[in-house]
Amino acid sequence: MNSPYHRFSELFAQLGLPSNDEAIRRFIAEHAPLAGEIKLEDAAFWTAAQAQLLRETIIDDADWADVVDHLNAALRSVL
């Protein structure tokens, strides 16, 4: 069974963040690059609730795991 495909905009909405393309680009630009030794869910810019959502998604390998992995990669790249 295939997992549903989720977009960045949907993940940002789940996290309670602005979810339009410009807001997503701005968020990534403001917070990248995330240091390699910091787990995505432990980054200082998340609220406790956002970090918990990310942590649970990663642990449970939930439907959102792919898009969370893409967010992780985007935050670690230097644009």
Protein backbone atom coordinates (compact mmCIF):
# COMPACT_ATOMS: atom_id res chain seq x y z
CA MET A 1 0.00 0.00 0.00
CA ASN A 2 1.36 3.41 -0.96
CA SER A 3 1.59 6.22 1.54
CA PRO A 4 -0.27 9.42 0.69
CA TYR A 5 1.84 12.15 -0.89
CA HIS A 6 2.05 15.29 1.21
CA ARG A 7 3.39 18.66 0.09
CA PHE A 8 5.55 21.12 1.99
CA SER A 9 2.54 23.43 2.19
CA GLU A 10 0.52 20.73 3.96
CA LEU A 11 3.36 20.02 6.41
CA PHE A 12 3.77 23.71 7.17
CA ALA A 13 0.04 23.97 7.79
CA GLN A 14 0.23 20.96 10.14
CA LEU A 15 3.04 22.75 11.98
CA GLY A 16 0.90 25.89 12.27
CA LEU A 17 3.19 27.89 10.01
CA PRO A 18 2.34 30.04 7.00
CA SER A 19 2.11 27.60 4.13
CA ASN A 20 2.28 29.59 0.91
CA ASP A 21 5.30 29.17 -1.36
CA GLU A 22 6.93 32.48 -0.41
CA ALA A 23 6.55 31.83 3.33
CA ILE A 24 8.07 28.37 2.96
CA ARG A 25 11.04 29.73 0.98
CA ARG A 26 11.53 32.47 3.57
CA PHE A 27 11.38 29.97 6.47
CA ILE A 28 13.99 27.73 4.87
CA ALA A 29 16.22 30.68 3.97
CA GLU A 30 16.03 32.01 7.54
CA HIS A 31 16.79 28.69 9.22
CA ALA A 32 19.24 27.00 6.84
CA PRO A 33 21.75 25.61 7.09
CA LEU A 34 20.91 23.47 10.09
CA ALA A 35 24.07 22.03 11.62
CA GLY A 36 24.64 18.34 10.95
CA GLU A 37 24.81 17.39 14.61
CA ILE A 38 21.36 18.83 15.39
CA LYS A 39 18.38 16.57 14.80
CA LEU A 40 15.63 18.27 12.83
CA GLU A 41 13.16 17.97 15.69
CA ASP A 42 15.69 19.45 18.15
CA ALA A 43 16.29 22.67 16.22
CA ALA A 44 15.83 25.74 18.40
CA PHE A 45 13.33 27.41 16.07
CA TRP A 46 10.50 24.89 16.67
CA THR A 47 7.93 25.29 19.40
CA ALA A 48 7.55 22.32 21.75
CA ALA A 49 4.40 21.22 19.90
CA GLN A 50 6.08 21.45 16.49
CA ALA A 51 9.09 19.49 17.71
CA GLN A 52 6.82 16.82 19.15
CA LEU A 53 4.90 16.49 15.89
CA LEU A 54 8.16 16.09 13.96
CA ARG A 55 9.54 13.63 16.51
CA GLU A 56 6.41 11.46 16.37
CA THR A 57 6.36 11.56 12.59
CA ILE A 58 9.97 10.39 12.40
CA ILE A 59 9.59 7.69 15.06
CA ASP A 60 6.31 6.35 13.69
CA ASP A 61 7.48 6.59 10.05
CA ALA A 62 4.08 8.18 9.48
CA ASP A 63 2.58 9.27 6.17
CA TRP A 64 4.36 12.57 6.68
CA ALA A 65 7.84 11.00 6.95
CA ASP A 66 8.81 11.64 3.30
CA VAL A 67 7.97 15.31 3.37
CA VAL A 68 9.67 15.68 6.77
CA ASP A 69 12.78 14.10 5.23
CA HIS A 70 12.60 16.64 2.40
CA LEU A 71 12.27 19.48 4.90
CA ASN A 72 15.27 18.11 6.79
CA ALA A 73 17.31 18.05 3.57
CA ALA A 74 16.18 21.55 2.58
CA LEU A 75 17.17 22.97 5.96
CA ARG A 76 20.62 21.39 5.72
CA SER A 77 21.43 22.70 2.25
CA VAL A 78 23.05 26.00 1.57
CA LEU A 79 21.16 27.89 -1.12
